[in-house]
Protein backbone atom coordinates (compact mmCIF):
# COMPACT_ATOMS: atom_id res chain seq x y z
CA MET A 1 6.30 -40.16 12.00
CA THR A 2 8.99 -38.43 13.41
CA GLN A 3 9.09 -34.57 13.58
CA GLY A 4 11.73 -33.88 10.82
CA SER A 5 9.03 -36.40 8.10
CA ALA A 6 6.17 -34.32 9.34
CA LEU A 7 7.98 -31.20 8.71
CA GLN A 8 8.85 -32.70 5.14
CA LYS A 9 5.20 -33.84 4.56
CA ARG A 10 4.28 -30.22 5.35
CA ILE A 11 6.76 -28.51 2.82
CA ASP A 12 5.72 -31.13 0.05
CA TRP A 13 1.90 -30.37 0.57
CA VAL A 14 2.89 -26.34 0.49
CA ASP A 15 5.30 -26.69 -2.96
CA THR A 16 2.32 -29.08 -4.54
CA ALA A 17 -0.47 -26.89 -4.01
CA ARG A 18 1.96 -23.71 -4.94
CA ALA A 19 2.72 -25.79 -8.15
CA ILE A 20 -1.08 -26.11 -8.90
CA GLY A 21 -1.58 -22.39 -8.67
CA ILE A 22 1.17 -21.22 -10.89
CA LEU A 23 0.06 -23.85 -13.37
CA ALA A 24 -3.54 -22.40 -13.38
CA VAL A 25 -1.92 -18.76 -13.58
CA VAL A 26 -0.02 -19.82 -16.81
CA LEU A 27 -3.10 -21.76 -18.13
CA CYS A 28 -5.16 -18.47 -17.98
CA HIS A 29 -2.25 -16.43 -19.43
CA ALA A 30 -1.94 -18.86 -22.33
CA LYS A 31 -5.56 -18.23 -23.30
CA VAL A 32 -6.73 -21.75 -22.88
CA PRO A 33 -10.90 -20.88 -23.45
CA LEU A 34 -13.24 -21.19 -20.52
CA VAL A 35 -10.15 -22.34 -17.96
CA GLN A 36 -10.10 -18.83 -16.50
CA LYS A 37 -13.89 -18.61 -16.23
CA TYR A 38 -15.30 -21.85 -15.33
CA ALA A 39 -12.25 -23.72 -13.80
CA VAL A 40 -9.53 -21.64 -11.89
CA GLY A 41 -10.26 -17.85 -11.55
CA PRO A 42 -11.04 -17.40 -8.22
CA PHE A 43 -7.88 -19.81 -6.79
CA GLU A 44 -5.00 -19.24 -9.06
CA VAL A 45 -3.83 -16.39 -7.21
CA THR A 46 -5.48 -16.30 -3.99
CA ILE A 47 -4.34 -19.76 -3.02
CA PHE A 48 -0.61 -18.06 -2.92
CA PHE A 49 -2.19 -15.38 -0.15
CA PHE A 50 -3.71 -18.27 1.58
CA ILE A 51 -0.19 -20.41 1.83
CA SER A 52 1.50 -17.21 2.71
CA GLY A 53 -0.87 -16.32 5.62
CA TYR A 54 -0.28 -20.27 6.44
CA LEU A 55 3.28 -19.62 6.88
CA PHE A 56 2.87 -16.69 8.49
CA PHE A 57 2.05 -18.62 11.76
CA LYS A 58 4.93 -18.23 14.27
CA LYS A 59 4.42 -19.07 18.23
CA GLU A 60 6.51 -15.56 17.92
CA GLN A 61 7.08 -13.06 15.39
CA PRO A 62 10.66 -11.56 14.70
CA ASP A 63 11.18 -7.73 15.35
CA LEU A 64 9.95 -5.35 12.88
CA LYS A 65 13.82 -4.66 11.43
CA THR A 66 13.93 -8.81 10.88
CA PHE A 67 10.49 -8.91 9.07
CA LEU A 68 11.47 -6.01 6.93
CA THR A 69 14.81 -7.23 6.08
CA LYS A 70 13.69 -10.60 5.31
CA LYS A 71 10.64 -9.43 3.19
CA VAL A 72 12.20 -6.83 0.78
CA LYS A 73 15.25 -9.46 0.37
CA ALA A 74 12.12 -12.30 -0.42
CA LEU A 75 9.84 -9.88 -2.72
CA LEU A 76 11.60 -6.16 -2.94
CA LEU A 77 14.69 -7.50 -4.50
CA PRO A 78 13.26 -9.81 -6.92
CA TYR A 79 10.92 -7.28 -7.97
CA ALA A 80 13.45 -4.41 -8.90
CA VAL A 81 15.15 -7.33 -10.89
CA PHE A 82 12.19 -8.53 -12.78
CA SER A 83 10.80 -4.91 -13.29
CA VAL A 84 14.50 -4.64 -15.13
CA MET A 85 13.49 -7.45 -17.49
CA TRP A 86 9.94 -6.32 -18.04
CA MET A 87 11.12 -2.59 -19.11
CA VAL A 88 13.89 -3.83 -21.25
CA TYR A 89 10.87 -6.43 -23.15
CA ASP A 90 8.71 -3.36 -23.30
CA TRP A 91 11.06 -0.98 -24.67
CA CYS A 92 11.85 -3.74 -27.52
CA PHE A 93 8.02 -3.87 -28.34
CA LEU A 94 8.06 -0.31 -28.71
CA CYS A 95 10.95 -0.60 -30.89
CA ILE A 96 9.20 -2.85 -32.89
CA ASP A 97 5.96 -0.81 -33.25
CA GLY A 98 8.15 1.95 -34.17
CA THR A 99 6.82 4.20 -31.00
CA LEU A 100 10.28 4.18 -28.66
CA SER A 101 11.42 7.24 -27.50
CA VAL A 102 12.99 9.05 -24.87
CA GLN A 103 9.60 9.73 -23.13
CA SER A 104 8.18 6.72 -23.89
CA ALA A 105 10.80 4.91 -22.18
CA PHE A 106 10.85 7.11 -19.24
CA LYS A 107 7.11 6.64 -18.88
CA VAL A 108 7.85 2.67 -18.92
CA VAL A 109 10.04 3.18 -15.92
CA LEU A 110 7.62 5.62 -14.13
CA GLN A 111 5.06 2.49 -14.47
CA TYR A 112 6.68 0.10 -12.87
CA GLY A 113 7.94 2.48 -9.99
CA LEU A 114 4.30 2.98 -9.55
CA GLN A 115 3.12 -0.42 -10.45
CA ILE A 116 -0.43 -0.46 -10.94
CA ARG A 117 -1.28 -3.39 -12.10
CA MET A 118 1.92 -4.05 -14.54
CA LYS A 119 2.64 -7.42 -15.69
CA PRO A 120 2.43 -10.48 -13.65
CA ILE A 121 4.75 -8.87 -10.95
CA TRP A 122 2.12 -6.89 -9.77
CA PHE A 123 1.67 -9.57 -7.03
CA LEU A 124 4.86 -9.02 -5.43
CA THR A 125 4.34 -5.43 -4.33
CA CYS A 126 0.88 -6.40 -3.20
CA LEU A 127 2.17 -9.53 -1.36
CA PHE A 128 4.48 -7.32 0.27
CA LEU A 129 2.13 -5.07 1.40
CA SER A 130 -0.78 -7.63 2.47
CA GLU A 131 2.36 -9.16 4.67
CA CYS A 132 3.21 -5.97 6.08
CA ALA A 133 -0.35 -5.58 6.95
CA LEU A 134 -0.57 -8.77 8.36
CA TYR A 135 2.31 -8.52 10.88
CA ILE A 136 0.88 -5.13 11.99
CA ILE A 137 -2.54 -6.92 12.51
CA VAL A 138 -1.21 -9.95 14.42
CA ARG A 139 1.10 -8.11 16.98
CA LEU A 140 -2.17 -5.67 17.45
CA VAL A 141 -4.41 -8.52 18.57
CA LYS A 142 -1.89 -11.22 19.91
CA ASN A 143 -2.78 -14.06 18.43
CA LYS A 144 -6.67 -13.41 19.52
CA LYS A 145 -8.37 -15.61 17.43
CA ILE A 146 -11.85 -13.93 17.70
CA PHE A 147 -10.13 -10.74 16.95
CA LEU A 148 -8.65 -12.02 13.86
CA PHE A 149 -11.74 -13.75 12.66
CA ALA A 150 -13.56 -10.00 13.10
CA THR A 151 -10.71 -8.49 11.21
CA ALA A 152 -11.04 -10.94 8.11
CA ALA A 153 -14.63 -10.64 8.08
CA GLY A 154 -14.34 -6.34 8.34
CA MET A 155 -11.97 -6.25 5.57
CA VAL A 156 -14.03 -8.89 2.99
CA CYS A 157 -16.70 -6.07 3.72
CA LEU A 158 -14.30 -3.21 2.97
CA ALA A 159 -13.56 -5.26 0.00
CA TYR A 160 -16.68 -5.03 -1.15
CA ALA A 161 -17.26 -1.52 -0.66
CA TYR A 162 -14.34 -0.45 -2.10
CA TYR A 163 -14.90 -2.17 -5.01
CA ARG A 164 -18.52 -1.03 -5.15
CA PHE A 165 -18.02 2.31 -4.76
CA VAL A 166 -14.40 3.36 -5.62
CA ASN A 167 -13.13 0.55 -8.06
CA LYS A 168 -9.92 2.16 -8.43
CA ALA A 169 -6.30 0.65 -8.70
CA LEU A 170 -3.85 2.01 -6.28
CA PRO A 171 0.32 2.28 -6.62
CA TRP A 172 1.76 -1.22 -5.51
CA ASN A 173 -1.45 -2.53 -5.90
CA ALA A 174 -2.47 -1.70 -2.39
CA ASP A 175 -6.09 -1.97 -3.21
CA LEU A 176 -5.50 -5.84 -3.56
CA CYS A 177 -4.05 -5.80 -0.05
CA LEU A 178 -8.30 -5.57 0.64
CA VAL A 179 -8.67 -8.81 -0.95
CA ALA A 180 -5.58 -10.56 -0.37
CA ILE A 181 -5.44 -10.02 3.70
CA PRO A 182 -8.76 -12.28 4.55
CA PHE A 183 -7.28 -15.23 2.26
CA MET A 184 -3.96 -14.79 4.68
CA LEU A 185 -5.84 -14.48 7.76
CA ALA A 186 -7.48 -17.77 6.88
CA GLY A 187 -4.37 -19.62 6.03
CA TYR A 188 -3.01 -18.13 9.54
CA LEU A 189 -6.02 -19.19 11.28
CA ALA A 190 -6.29 -22.57 9.72
CA ARG A 191 -2.47 -23.02 10.60
CA ALA A 192 -3.18 -21.65 14.18
CA TYR A 193 -6.39 -23.91 14.65
CA GLY A 194 -4.41 -26.94 12.90
CA VAL A 195 -7.64 -27.55 10.45
CA LEU A 196 -5.47 -28.82 7.76
CA GLU A 197 -3.69 -31.39 9.63
CA HIS A 198 -6.70 -32.54 11.13
CA ILE A 199 -8.11 -33.74 8.02
CA HIS A 200 -8.11 -37.46 8.45
CA GLN A 201 -6.36 -39.66 5.47
CA LYS A 202 -9.78 -41.72 4.54
CA ALA A 203 -11.94 -38.17 4.87
CA ARG A 204 -9.51 -36.42 2.12
CA TRP A 205 -11.29 -37.46 -0.85
CA ILE A 206 -14.84 -36.78 0.50
CA VAL A 207 -13.24 -32.94 1.05
CA PHE A 208 -12.06 -33.03 -1.98
CA PHE A 209 -15.14 -34.16 -4.05
CA ALA A 210 -17.44 -32.00 -1.51
CA SER A 211 -15.33 -28.89 -1.63
CA THR A 212 -14.71 -29.06 -5.53
CA ALA A 213 -18.69 -29.59 -6.29
CA LEU A 214 -19.29 -26.87 -3.98
CA TYR A 215 -16.84 -24.50 -5.72
CA LEU A 216 -18.01 -25.34 -9.40
CA ALA A 217 -21.44 -24.04 -8.26
CA ILE A 218 -20.77 -21.33 -6.40
CA ASN A 219 -18.45 -20.01 -9.38
CA TYR A 220 -20.95 -20.92 -11.85
CA LEU A 221 -23.56 -18.55 -10.16
CA ASN A 222 -20.78 -16.07 -10.10
CA VAL A 223 -19.48 -15.81 -13.09
CA ARG A 224 -22.55 -16.39 -15.52
CA GLU A 225 -22.67 -12.61 -16.78
CA ILE A 226 -19.14 -11.90 -16.77
CA SER A 227 -15.96 -13.04 -18.31
CA GLY A 228 -14.36 -14.41 -15.34
CA ILE A 229 -12.86 -13.61 -12.14
CA ASP A 230 -9.65 -11.60 -12.71
CA LEU A 231 -7.88 -9.89 -9.75
CA PHE A 232 -5.74 -8.02 -12.62
CA TYR A 233 -8.81 -6.25 -13.59
CA ASN A 234 -10.77 -5.81 -10.76
CA GLN A 235 -13.24 -8.38 -11.63
CA PHE A 236 -14.87 -9.91 -8.61
CA GLY A 237 -18.85 -10.94 -9.42
CA ASN A 238 -20.45 -10.97 -6.38
CA MET A 239 -17.63 -10.10 -3.79
CA PHE A 240 -19.09 -12.27 -1.11
CA VAL A 241 -19.82 -15.32 -3.54
CA PHE A 242 -16.02 -14.84 -4.89
CA PHE A 243 -14.46 -15.21 -1.47
CA ALA A 244 -16.78 -18.22 -0.71
CA SER A 245 -16.09 -19.98 -4.10
CA ALA A 246 -12.41 -18.83 -3.73
CA LEU A 247 -12.20 -20.70 -0.46
CA ALA A 248 -13.97 -23.65 -1.56
CA ALA A 249 -11.61 -23.96 -4.33
CA ILE A 250 -8.45 -23.61 -2.03
CA VAL A 251 -9.83 -26.70 0.41
CA ALA A 252 -10.23 -28.41 -2.88
CA VAL A 253 -6.53 -28.15 -3.92
CA ILE A 254 -5.49 -28.58 -0.32
CA ALA A 255 -7.40 -31.62 0.06
CA PHE A 256 -6.06 -32.78 -3.53
CA CYS A 257 -2.24 -31.90 -2.77
CA LYS A 258 -2.82 -34.39 0.47
CA ILE A 259 -3.99 -37.15 -1.31
CA LEU A 260 -1.22 -36.97 -4.08
CA PRO A 261 1.85 -38.34 -3.64
CA PRO A 262 4.87 -35.78 -3.45
CA THR A 263 6.38 -35.73 -7.27
CA LYS A 264 9.66 -34.32 -8.10
CA VAL A 265 8.34 -32.17 -10.89
CA LEU A 266 5.89 -30.32 -8.88
CA THR A 267 7.89 -29.86 -6.00
CA TYR A 268 10.49 -28.02 -8.19
CA ILE A 269 7.68 -25.91 -9.82
CA GLY A 270 6.09 -25.13 -6.69
CA ARG A 271 9.38 -24.17 -5.09
CA ASN A 272 10.63 -21.88 -7.68
CA SER A 273 6.38 -20.52 -8.66
CA LEU A 274 8.01 -16.98 -8.17
CA PHE A 275 10.57 -16.85 -11.03
CA ILE A 276 7.38 -18.71 -13.10
CA PHE A 277 4.93 -16.05 -12.11
CA ALA A 278 7.05 -13.25 -13.03
CA THR A 279 8.57 -14.57 -16.35
CA HIS A 280 6.42 -16.73 -17.95
CA ASN A 281 4.35 -14.02 -19.83
CA MET A 282 7.56 -13.01 -21.36
CA ILE A 283 7.43 -16.15 -23.52
CA ILE A 284 3.37 -16.20 -24.24
CA ALA A 285 2.30 -12.69 -25.03
CA PRO A 286 4.67 -12.79 -28.01
CA LEU A 287 3.97 -16.15 -29.43
CA LEU A 288 -0.03 -15.38 -28.94
CA ARG A 289 0.61 -11.70 -30.83
CA PHE A 290 2.85 -13.06 -33.68
CA LEU A 291 2.06 -16.88 -34.32
CA PRO A 292 0.41 -17.49 -37.95
CA TYR A 293 -2.68 -18.22 -36.84
CA ASP A 294 -6.38 -16.82 -35.84
CA LEU A 295 -6.20 -17.87 -31.94
CA GLU A 296 -9.02 -15.81 -31.34
CA GLN A 297 -11.39 -18.57 -33.13
CA ASN A 298 -10.79 -20.71 -30.32
CA ASP A 299 -11.21 -24.04 -32.29
CA SER A 300 -9.72 -27.21 -31.89
CA ILE A 301 -6.13 -26.24 -33.43
CA ALA A 302 -6.41 -22.86 -31.56
CA VAL A 303 -6.84 -24.86 -28.61
CA LEU A 304 -3.99 -27.22 -28.95
CA ILE A 305 -1.61 -24.60 -29.51
CA LYS A 306 -2.65 -22.77 -26.30
CA ILE A 307 -2.10 -25.85 -24.68
CA GLY A 308 1.25 -26.10 -26.52
CA ILE A 309 1.97 -22.55 -25.57
CA PHE A 310 0.98 -22.97 -21.78
CA LEU A 311 3.58 -26.12 -21.67
CA LEU A 312 5.94 -24.40 -23.66
CA ALA A 313 6.38 -21.66 -21.26
CA THR A 314 6.63 -23.59 -18.34
CA ALA A 315 8.77 -25.55 -19.38
CA VAL A 316 11.38 -22.97 -20.65
CA CYS A 317 10.87 -20.76 -17.45
CA CYS A 318 12.14 -23.70 -15.79
CA MET A 319 15.11 -24.10 -17.21
CA LEU A 320 16.17 -20.85 -17.24
CA ASN A 321 15.50 -20.82 -13.26
CA ALA A 322 17.50 -24.29 -13.25
CA GLY A 323 20.14 -22.22 -15.06
CA ILE A 324 19.92 -19.35 -12.94
CA MET A 325 20.07 -21.15 -9.41
CA LYS A 326 23.19 -22.18 -10.47
CA THR A 327 25.00 -19.04 -10.16
CA ARG A 328 25.05 -16.07 -7.85
CA LEU A 329 22.44 -14.71 -9.63
CA LYS A 330 20.22 -16.43 -7.20
CA LYS A 331 20.63 -14.22 -4.48
CA LEU A 332 18.98 -11.32 -6.51
CA LEU A 333 15.85 -13.37 -6.67
CA GLY A 334 15.66 -14.07 -2.85
CA LYS A 335 17.43 -17.38 -2.92
């Protein structure tokens, strides 16, 4: 296998994993019953942090100015664009509810400026801060892997202490960096050691089934007495069990991605997961609110409707993204 084909295989794996992650996010927001609690809650967002850490690994990191310029373009510029879209969306619903005023409109602007768990785009500010922190950590320890392991373990303990005794969401979702950075360090170290590349082809099914079984068992024990894992609401169950179950799930997803032949659909969804992440709830939320059927009862019809909403939202987001990518507007989305 040539170096070029090896790189392409790596890209296909990453895109497929991103696709699975974003489809899990959309499925949860469509409120398909039991999906978030027992199936995808621990990994639907954390897999993106892991992948970010995996792709972060380089033999030489760029200088600070180059790094920040790249991240502002890739994350903060899209955040600004999506924030404006969500502001208009919120103003429309305030108008429908008859509560739109100068004061309420300004409050919406302030909320997106502070960004404390505002809509799915909370992820962008959290990822920006987490990548900045990871950059500093990597530069300080100079790729001494034992210190990276120690930092990851320390961040897990710090996350446990923070959500145990403080449990307060911070502006730009900075508190969730405590959760994001251990996953990013796990991805970084996995790339540094070549762990994922060394999984033998014949062993991938074994890894997939073993890690899936481990994940389902651990996650079941963790969510029995809560509604599910949800980073948005600081809902982790036992923090240490959450990290273990999420890592097991991420390993299972990656093993599956390495088994699954690349497909155009999943590759496209994965490469455009940012747009889908930021916009899908603009489609889902109104449908869940205004459809003339009681979706809370979760009977067979309600479940089918929610699955239909999931498919519709994904398709619409893909079509909108495809249209935007043909225009100069794509530069505003970091492309």
